[in-house]
């Protein structure tokens, strides 16, 4: 990956932005963590999300309401 702003212009190209985004968003440890809580490695059911929130995020009071709110906010697609 090129380092951002090699031209010293104060801006980055779309290709540089995409490379930075991929480096931040597509980390293998995140996928591994998701797979450890997802029964089919594709979706994270509400009960598994609650377990993740309690064990990994230390949200002691995580319950169905909190999980549903997160799902509605970040995964609005019915599937």
PDB file of N, CA and C in Angstrom:
ATOM      1  N   UNK A   1       0.844  -1.182   0.000  1.00  0.00           N
ATOM      2  CA  UNK A   1       0.000   0.000   0.000  1.00  0.00           C
ATOM      3  C   UNK A   1       0.887   1.242   0.000  1.00  0.00           C
ATOM      4  N   UNK A   2       0.547   2.158  -0.880  1.00  0.00           N
ATOM      5  CA  UNK A   2       1.252   3.430  -0.875  1.00  0.00           C
ATOM      6  C   UNK A   2       0.910   4.177   0.402  1.00  0.00           C
ATOM      7  N   UNK A   3       1.836   4.958   0.862  1.00  0.00           N
ATOM      8  CA  UNK A   3       1.492   5.797   2.003  1.00  0.00           C
ATOM      9  C   UNK A   3       0.629   6.931   1.494  1.00  0.00           C
ATOM     10  N   UNK A   4      -0.305   7.356   2.309  1.00  0.00           N
ATOM     11  CA  UNK A   4      -1.219   8.398   1.872  1.00  0.00           C
ATOM     12  C   UNK A   4      -0.488   9.721   1.703  1.00  0.00           C
ATOM     13  N   UNK A   5      -0.992  10.476   0.778  1.00  0.00           N
ATOM     14  CA  UNK A   5      -0.515  11.831   0.523  1.00  0.00           C
ATOM     15  C   UNK A   5       0.968  11.884   0.171  1.00  0.00           C
ATOM     16  N   UNK A   6       1.411  10.978  -0.668  1.00  0.00           N
ATOM     17  CA  UNK A   6       2.820  10.985  -1.077  1.00  0.00           C
ATOM     18  C   UNK A   6       3.168  12.235  -1.877  1.00  0.00           C
ATOM     19  N   UNK A   7       2.168  12.823  -2.496  1.00  0.00           N
ATOM     20  CA  UNK A   7       2.426  14.009  -3.315  1.00  0.00           C
ATOM     21  C   UNK A   7       2.468  15.279  -2.469  1.00  0.00           C
ATOM     22  N   UNK A   8       2.188  15.181  -1.201  1.00  0.00           N
ATOM     23  CA  UNK A   8       2.208  16.319  -0.268  1.00  0.00           C
ATOM     24  C   UNK A   8       1.260  17.436  -0.707  1.00  0.00           C
ATOM     25  N   UNK A   9       0.095  17.040  -1.211  1.00  0.00           N
ATOM     26  CA  UNK A   9      -0.869  18.031  -1.676  1.00  0.00           C
ATOM     27  C   UNK A   9      -1.937  18.336  -0.636  1.00  0.00           C
ATOM     28  N   UNK A  10      -1.966  17.560   0.430  1.00  0.00           N
ATOM     29  CA  UNK A  10      -3.004  17.743   1.437  1.00  0.00           C
ATOM     30  C   UNK A  10      -4.277  16.998   1.115  1.00  0.00           C
ATOM     31  N   UNK A  11      -4.274  16.235   0.036  1.00  0.00           N
ATOM     32  CA  UNK A  11      -5.434  15.430  -0.348  1.00  0.00           C
ATOM     33  C   UNK A  11      -4.963  14.028  -0.720  1.00  0.00           C
ATOM     34  N   UNK A  12      -5.919  13.116  -0.750  1.00  0.00           N
ATOM     35  CA  UNK A  12      -5.612  11.761  -1.189  1.00  0.00           C
ATOM     36  C   UNK A  12      -6.529  11.414  -2.353  1.00  0.00           C
ATOM     37  N   UNK A  13      -6.108  10.466  -3.139  1.00  0.00           N
ATOM     38  CA  UNK A  13      -6.932  10.017  -4.256  1.00  0.00           C
ATOM     39  C   UNK A  13      -7.955   9.016  -3.756  1.00  0.00           C
ATOM     40  N   UNK A  14      -8.933   8.706  -4.583  1.00  0.00           N
ATOM     41  CA  UNK A  14      -9.938   7.709  -4.218  1.00  0.00           C
ATOM     42  C   UNK A  14      -9.282   6.346  -4.021  1.00  0.00           C
ATOM     43  N   UNK A  15      -8.265   6.038  -4.803  1.00  0.00           N
ATOM     44  CA  UNK A  15      -7.559   4.776  -4.654  1.00  0.00           C
ATOM     45  C   UNK A  15      -6.842   4.707  -3.306  1.00  0.00           C
ATOM     46  N   UNK A  16      -6.254   5.797  -2.888  1.00  0.00           N
ATOM     47  CA  UNK A  16      -5.596   5.842  -1.583  1.00  0.00           C
ATOM     48  C   UNK A  16      -6.628   5.703  -0.455  1.00  0.00           C
ATOM     49  N   UNK A  17      -7.767   6.366  -0.613  1.00  0.00           N
ATOM     50  CA  UNK A  17      -8.834   6.257   0.377  1.00  0.00           C
ATOM     51  C   UNK A  17      -9.307   4.810   0.493  1.00  0.00           C
ATOM     52  N   UNK A  18      -9.527   4.166  -0.639  1.00  0.00           N
ATOM     53  CA  UNK A  18      -9.978   2.777  -0.634  1.00  0.00           C
ATOM     54  C   UNK A  18      -8.961   1.862   0.047  1.00  0.00           C
ATOM     55  N   UNK A  19      -7.687   2.085  -0.209  1.00  0.00           N
ATOM     56  CA  UNK A  19      -6.641   1.265   0.410  1.00  0.00           C
ATOM     57  C   UNK A  19      -6.636   1.459   1.928  1.00  0.00           C
ATOM     58  N   UNK A  20      -6.785   2.679   2.370  1.00  0.00           N
ATOM     59  CA  UNK A  20      -6.831   2.961   3.808  1.00  0.00           C
ATOM     60  C   UNK A  20      -8.067   2.320   4.423  1.00  0.00           C
ATOM     61  N   UNK A  21      -9.210   2.465   3.760  1.00  0.00           N
ATOM     62  CA  UNK A  21     -10.454   1.869   4.251  1.00  0.00           C
ATOM     63  C   UNK A  21     -10.324   0.360   4.377  1.00  0.00           C
ATOM     64  N   UNK A  22      -9.792  -0.287   3.338  1.00  0.00           N
ATOM     65  CA  UNK A  22      -9.639  -1.744   3.386  1.00  0.00           C
ATOM     66  C   UNK A  22      -8.721  -2.164   4.533  1.00  0.00           C
ATOM     67  N   UNK A  23      -7.658  -1.418   4.747  1.00  0.00           N
ATOM     68  CA  UNK A  23      -6.716  -1.754   5.816  1.00  0.00           C
ATOM     69  C   UNK A  23      -7.381  -1.647   7.188  1.00  0.00           C
ATOM     70  N   UNK A  24      -8.289  -0.702   7.346  1.00  0.00           N
ATOM     71  CA  UNK A  24      -8.953  -0.510   8.632  1.00  0.00           C
ATOM     72  C   UNK A  24     -10.171  -1.409   8.821  1.00  0.00           C
ATOM     73  N   UNK A  25     -10.957  -1.568   7.783  1.00  0.00           N
ATOM     74  CA  UNK A  25     -12.236  -2.260   7.917  1.00  0.00           C
ATOM     75  C   UNK A  25     -12.162  -3.764   7.722  1.00  0.00           C
ATOM     76  N   UNK A  26     -11.206  -4.230   7.001  1.00  0.00           N
ATOM     77  CA  UNK A  26     -11.153  -5.658   6.667  1.00  0.00           C
ATOM     78  C   UNK A  26      -9.967  -6.319   7.364  1.00  0.00           C
ATOM     79  N   UNK A  27     -10.109  -6.433   8.672  1.00  0.00           N
ATOM     80  CA  UNK A  27      -9.047  -7.041   9.462  1.00  0.00           C
ATOM     81  C   UNK A  27      -9.427  -8.476   9.790  1.00  0.00           C
ATOM     82  N   UNK A  28      -8.477  -9.374   9.649  1.00  0.00           N
ATOM     83  CA  UNK A  28      -8.755 -10.797   9.851  1.00  0.00           C
ATOM     84  C   UNK A  28      -9.209 -11.100  11.276  1.00  0.00           C
ATOM     85  N   UNK A  29      -8.697 -10.410  12.265  1.00  0.00           N
ATOM     86  CA  UNK A  29      -9.098 -10.692  13.648  1.00  0.00           C
ATOM     87  C   UNK A  29     -10.574 -10.354  13.882  1.00  0.00           C
ATOM     88  N   UNK A  30     -11.106  -9.387  13.159  1.00  0.00           N
ATOM     89  CA  UNK A  30     -12.523  -9.064  13.280  1.00  0.00           C
ATOM     90  C   UNK A  30     -13.363 -10.184  12.682  1.00  0.00           C
ATOM     91  N   UNK A  31     -12.943 -10.687  11.532  1.00  0.00           N
ATOM     92  CA  UNK A  31     -13.651 -11.807  10.909  1.00  0.00           C
ATOM     93  C   UNK A  31     -13.603 -13.046  11.812  1.00  0.00           C
ATOM     94  N   UNK A  32     -12.464 -13.328  12.384  1.00  0.00           N
ATOM     95  CA  UNK A  32     -12.334 -14.489  13.270  1.00  0.00           C
ATOM     96  C   UNK A  32     -13.250 -14.360  14.481  1.00  0.00           C
ATOM     97  N   UNK A  33     -13.331 -13.172  15.043  1.00  0.00           N
ATOM     98  CA  UNK A  33     -14.202 -12.939  16.189  1.00  0.00           C
ATOM     99  C   UNK A  33     -15.665 -13.122  15.791  1.00  0.00           C
ATOM    100  N   UNK A  34     -16.036 -12.579  14.636  1.00  0.00           N
ATOM    101  CA  UNK A  34     -17.404 -12.758  14.149  1.00  0.00           C
ATOM    102  C   UNK A  34     -17.709 -14.239  13.963  1.00  0.00           C
ATOM    103  N   UNK A  35     -16.816 -14.962  13.327  1.00  0.00           N
ATOM    104  CA  UNK A  35     -17.028 -16.387  13.079  1.00  0.00           C
ATOM    105  C   UNK A  35     -17.157 -17.178  14.378  1.00  0.00           C
ATOM    106  N   UNK A  36     -16.472 -16.754  15.423  1.00  0.00           N
ATOM    107  CA  UNK A  36     -16.548 -17.481  16.693  1.00  0.00           C
ATOM    108  C   UNK A  36     -17.916 -17.332  17.363  1.00  0.00           C
ATOM    109  N   UNK A  37     -18.674 -16.281  17.027  1.00  0.00           N
ATOM    110  CA  UNK A  37     -20.000 -16.064  17.595  1.00  0.00           C
ATOM    111  C   UNK A  37     -21.132 -16.390  16.624  1.00  0.00           C
ATOM    112  N   UNK A  38     -20.828 -16.525  15.352  1.00  0.00           N
ATOM    113  CA  UNK A  38     -21.848 -16.802  14.348  1.00  0.00           C
ATOM    114  C   UNK A  38     -21.962 -18.303  14.113  1.00  0.00           C
ATOM    115  N   UNK A  39     -23.142 -18.872  14.298  1.00  0.00           N
ATOM    116  CA  UNK A  39     -23.275 -20.322  14.123  1.00  0.00           C
ATOM    117  C   UNK A  39     -23.061 -20.793  12.680  1.00  0.00           C
ATOM    118  N   UNK A  40     -23.355 -19.943  11.707  1.00  0.00           N
ATOM    119  CA  UNK A  40     -23.191 -20.352  10.317  1.00  0.00           C
ATOM    120  C   UNK A  40     -22.158 -19.503   9.563  1.00  0.00           C
ATOM    121  N   UNK A  41     -21.431 -18.656  10.279  1.00  0.00           N
ATOM    122  CA  UNK A  41     -20.393 -17.789   9.723  1.00  0.00           C
ATOM    123  C   UNK A  41     -20.935 -16.775   8.720  1.00  0.00           C
ATOM    124  N   UNK A  42     -22.263 -16.542   8.756  1.00  0.00           N
ATOM    125  CA  UNK A  42     -22.880 -15.577   7.846  1.00  0.00           C
ATOM    126  C   UNK A  42     -23.682 -14.512   8.582  1.00  0.00           C
ATOM    127  N   UNK A  43     -24.402 -14.930   9.613  1.00  0.00           N
ATOM    128  CA  UNK A  43     -25.222 -13.989  10.372  1.00  0.00           C
ATOM    129  C   UNK A  43     -24.904 -14.119  11.858  1.00  0.00           C
ATOM    130  N   UNK A  44     -25.282 -13.106  12.603  1.00  0.00           N
ATOM    131  CA  UNK A  44     -25.091 -13.117  14.047  1.00  0.00           C
ATOM    132  C   UNK A  44     -26.462 -12.942  14.691  1.00  0.00           C
ATOM    133  N   UNK A  45     -27.072 -14.049  15.110  1.00  0.00           N
ATOM    134  CA  UNK A  45     -28.400 -13.954  15.742  1.00  0.00           C
ATOM    135  C   UNK A  45     -28.354 -13.107  17.011  1.00  0.00           C
ATOM    136  N   UNK A  46     -29.521 -12.607  17.377  1.00  0.00           N
ATOM    137  CA  UNK A  46     -29.633 -11.721  18.532  1.00  0.00           C
ATOM    138  C   UNK A  46     -29.014 -12.327  19.791  1.00  0.00           C
ATOM    139  N   UNK A  47     -29.267 -13.596  20.055  1.00  0.00           N
ATOM    140  CA  UNK A  47     -28.725 -14.219  21.269  1.00  0.00           C
ATOM    141  C   UNK A  47     -27.201 -14.265  21.235  1.00  0.00           C
ATOM    142  N   UNK A  48     -26.630 -14.486  20.074  1.00  0.00           N
ATOM    143  CA  UNK A  48     -25.176 -14.510  19.950  1.00  0.00           C
ATOM    144  C   UNK A  48     -24.591 -13.102  20.063  1.00  0.00           C
ATOM    145  N   UNK A  49     -25.334 -12.110  19.555  1.00  0.00           N
ATOM    146  CA  UNK A  49     -24.907 -10.722  19.701  1.00  0.00           C
ATOM    147  C   UNK A  49     -24.862 -10.333  21.169  1.00  0.00           C
ATOM    148  N   UNK A  50     -25.870 -10.752  21.929  1.00  0.00           N
ATOM    149  CA  UNK A  50     -25.893 -10.468  23.368  1.00  0.00           C
ATOM    150  C   UNK A  50     -24.678 -11.100  24.043  1.00  0.00           C
ATOM    151  N   UNK A  51     -24.389 -12.344  23.701  1.00  0.00           N
ATOM    152  CA  UNK A  51     -23.227 -13.024  24.271  1.00  0.00           C
ATOM    153  C   UNK A  51     -21.937 -12.270  23.926  1.00  0.00           C
ATOM    154  N   UNK A  52     -21.810 -11.834  22.662  1.00  0.00           N
ATOM    155  CA  UNK A  52     -20.641 -11.054  22.237  1.00  0.00           C
ATOM    156  C   UNK A  52     -20.528  -9.755  23.042  1.00  0.00           C
ATOM    157  N   UNK A  53     -21.637  -9.048  23.171  1.00  0.00           N
ATOM    158  CA  UNK A  53     -21.614  -7.778  23.901  1.00  0.00           C
ATOM    159  C   UNK A  53     -21.171  -7.974  25.349  1.00  0.00           C
ATOM    160  N   UNK A  54     -21.647  -9.036  25.965  1.00  0.00           N
ATOM    161  CA  UNK A  54     -21.298  -9.289  27.365  1.00  0.00           C
ATOM    162  C   UNK A  54     -19.839  -9.723  27.523  1.00  0.00           C
ATOM    163  N   UNK A  55     -19.396 -10.664  26.679  1.00  0.00           N
ATOM    164  CA  UNK A  55     -18.053 -11.227  26.842  1.00  0.00           C
ATOM    165  C   UNK A  55     -16.942 -10.372  26.259  1.00  0.00           C
ATOM    166  N   UNK A  56     -17.187  -9.768  25.109  1.00  0.00           N
ATOM    167  CA  UNK A  56     -16.117  -9.047  24.401  1.00  0.00           C
ATOM    168  C   UNK A  56     -16.156  -7.540  24.632  1.00  0.00           C
ATOM    169  N   UNK A  57     -17.356  -6.998  24.763  1.00  0.00           N
ATOM    170  CA  UNK A  57     -17.499  -5.552  24.917  1.00  0.00           C
ATOM    171  C   UNK A  57     -17.779  -5.140  26.358  1.00  0.00           C
ATOM    172  N   UNK A  58     -17.946  -6.124  27.243  1.00  0.00           N
ATOM    173  CA  UNK A  58     -18.184  -5.885  28.665  1.00  0.00           C
ATOM    174  C   UNK A  58     -19.433  -5.046  28.928  1.00  0.00           C
ATOM    175  N   UNK A  59     -20.464  -5.265  28.091  1.00  0.00           N
ATOM    176  CA  UNK A  59     -21.753  -4.622  28.306  1.00  0.00           C
ATOM    177  C   UNK A  59     -22.559  -5.580  29.184  1.00  0.00           C
ATOM    178  N   UNK A  60     -22.392  -5.435  30.470  1.00  0.00           N
ATOM    179  CA  UNK A  60     -22.963  -6.358  31.450  1.00  0.00           C
ATOM    180  C   UNK A  60     -24.485  -6.432  31.332  1.00  0.00           C
ATOM    181  N   UNK A  61     -25.126  -5.297  31.069  1.00  0.00           N
ATOM    182  CA  UNK A  61     -26.583  -5.260  31.008  1.00  0.00           C
ATOM    183  C   UNK A  61     -27.134  -5.509  29.605  1.00  0.00           C
ATOM    184  N   UNK A  62     -26.334  -6.075  28.716  1.00  0.00           N
ATOM    185  CA  UNK A  62     -26.799  -6.363  27.358  1.00  0.00           C
ATOM    186  C   UNK A  62     -27.983  -7.317  27.413  1.00  0.00           C
ATOM    187  N   UNK A  63     -29.028  -6.961  26.684  1.00  0.00           N
ATOM    188  CA  UNK A  63     -30.223  -7.797  26.637  1.00  0.00           C
ATOM    189  C   UNK A  63     -30.844  -7.709  25.248  1.00  0.00           C
ATOM    190  N   UNK A  64     -32.027  -8.298  25.096  1.00  0.00           N
ATOM    191  CA  UNK A  64     -32.698  -8.324  23.805  1.00  0.00           C
ATOM    192  C   UNK A  64     -32.979  -6.921  23.272  1.00  0.00           C
ATOM    193  N   UNK A  65     -33.338  -6.002  24.154  1.00  0.00           N
ATOM    194  CA  UNK A  65     -33.647  -4.636  23.737  1.00  0.00           C
ATOM    195  C   UNK A  65     -32.413  -3.946  23.160  1.00  0.00           C
ATOM    196  N   UNK A  66     -31.288  -4.093  23.824  1.00  0.00           N
ATOM    197  CA  UNK A  66     -30.045  -3.477  23.335  1.00  0.00           C
ATOM    198  C   UNK A  66     -29.626  -4.114  22.013  1.00  0.00           C
ATOM    199  N   UNK A  67     -29.705  -5.433  21.936  1.00  0.00           N
ATOM    200  CA  UNK A  67     -29.337  -6.127  20.705  1.00  0.00           C
ATOM    201  C   UNK A  67     -30.249  -5.721  19.551  1.00  0.00           C
ATOM    202  N   UNK A  68     -31.539  -5.658  19.800  1.00  0.00           N
ATOM    203  CA  UNK A  68     -32.495  -5.256  18.768  1.00  0.00           C
ATOM    204  C   UNK A  68     -32.234  -3.836  18.286  1.00  0.00           C
ATOM    205  N   UNK A  69     -31.911  -2.952  19.211  1.00  0.00           N
ATOM    206  CA  UNK A  69     -31.612  -1.560  18.857  1.00  0.00           C
ATOM    207  C   UNK A  69     -30.378  -1.485  17.960  1.00  0.00           C
ATOM    208  N   UNK A  70     -29.338  -2.243  18.308  1.00  0.00           N
ATOM    209  CA  UNK A  70     -28.129  -2.259  17.481  1.00  0.00           C
ATOM    210  C   UNK A  70     -28.405  -2.823  16.087  1.00  0.00           C
ATOM    211  N   UNK A  71     -29.166  -3.894  16.050  1.00  0.00           N
ATOM    212  CA  UNK A  71     -29.495  -4.508  14.764  1.00  0.00           C
ATOM    213  C   UNK A  71     -30.302  -3.529  13.911  1.00  0.00           C
ATOM    214  N   UNK A  72     -31.297  -2.887  14.493  1.00  0.00           N
ATOM    215  CA  UNK A  72     -32.124  -1.936  13.749  1.00  0.00           C
ATOM    216  C   UNK A  72     -31.302  -0.754  13.236  1.00  0.00           C
ATOM    217  N   UNK A  73     -30.333  -0.336  14.021  1.00  0.00           N
ATOM    218  CA  UNK A  73     -29.532   0.831  13.640  1.00  0.00           C
ATOM    219  C   UNK A  73     -28.504   0.501  12.570  1.00  0.00           C
ATOM    220  N   UNK A  74     -27.832  -0.644  12.699  1.00  0.00           N
ATOM    221  CA  UNK A  74     -26.710  -0.942  11.813  1.00  0.00           C
ATOM    222  C   UNK A  74     -26.987  -1.995  10.751  1.00  0.00           C
ATOM    223  N   UNK A  75     -28.080  -2.729  10.875  1.00  0.00           N
ATOM    224  CA  UNK A  75     -28.459  -3.758   9.895  1.00  0.00           C
ATOM    225  C   UNK A  75     -29.939  -3.649   9.588  1.00  0.00           C
ATOM    226  N   UNK A  76     -30.358  -2.591   8.958  1.00  0.00           N
ATOM    227  CA  UNK A  76     -31.793  -2.402   8.747  1.00  0.00           C
ATOM    228  C   UNK A  76     -32.417  -3.341   7.704  1.00  0.00           C
ATOM    229  N   UNK A  77     -31.628  -4.102   7.001  1.00  0.00           N
ATOM    230  CA  UNK A  77     -32.148  -5.009   5.982  1.00  0.00           C
ATOM    231  C   UNK A  77     -32.743  -6.234   6.681  1.00  0.00           C
ATOM    232  N   UNK A  78     -33.945  -6.609   6.297  1.00  0.00           N
ATOM    233  CA  UNK A  78     -34.660  -7.710   6.941  1.00  0.00           C
ATOM    234  C   UNK A  78     -33.906  -9.029   6.912  1.00  0.00           C
ATOM    235  N   UNK A  79     -33.178  -9.324   5.857  1.00  0.00           N
ATOM    236  CA  UNK A  79     -32.471 -10.594   5.720  1.00  0.00           C
ATOM    237  C   UNK A  79     -31.490 -10.757   6.831  1.00  0.00           C
TER     238      UNK A  79
END
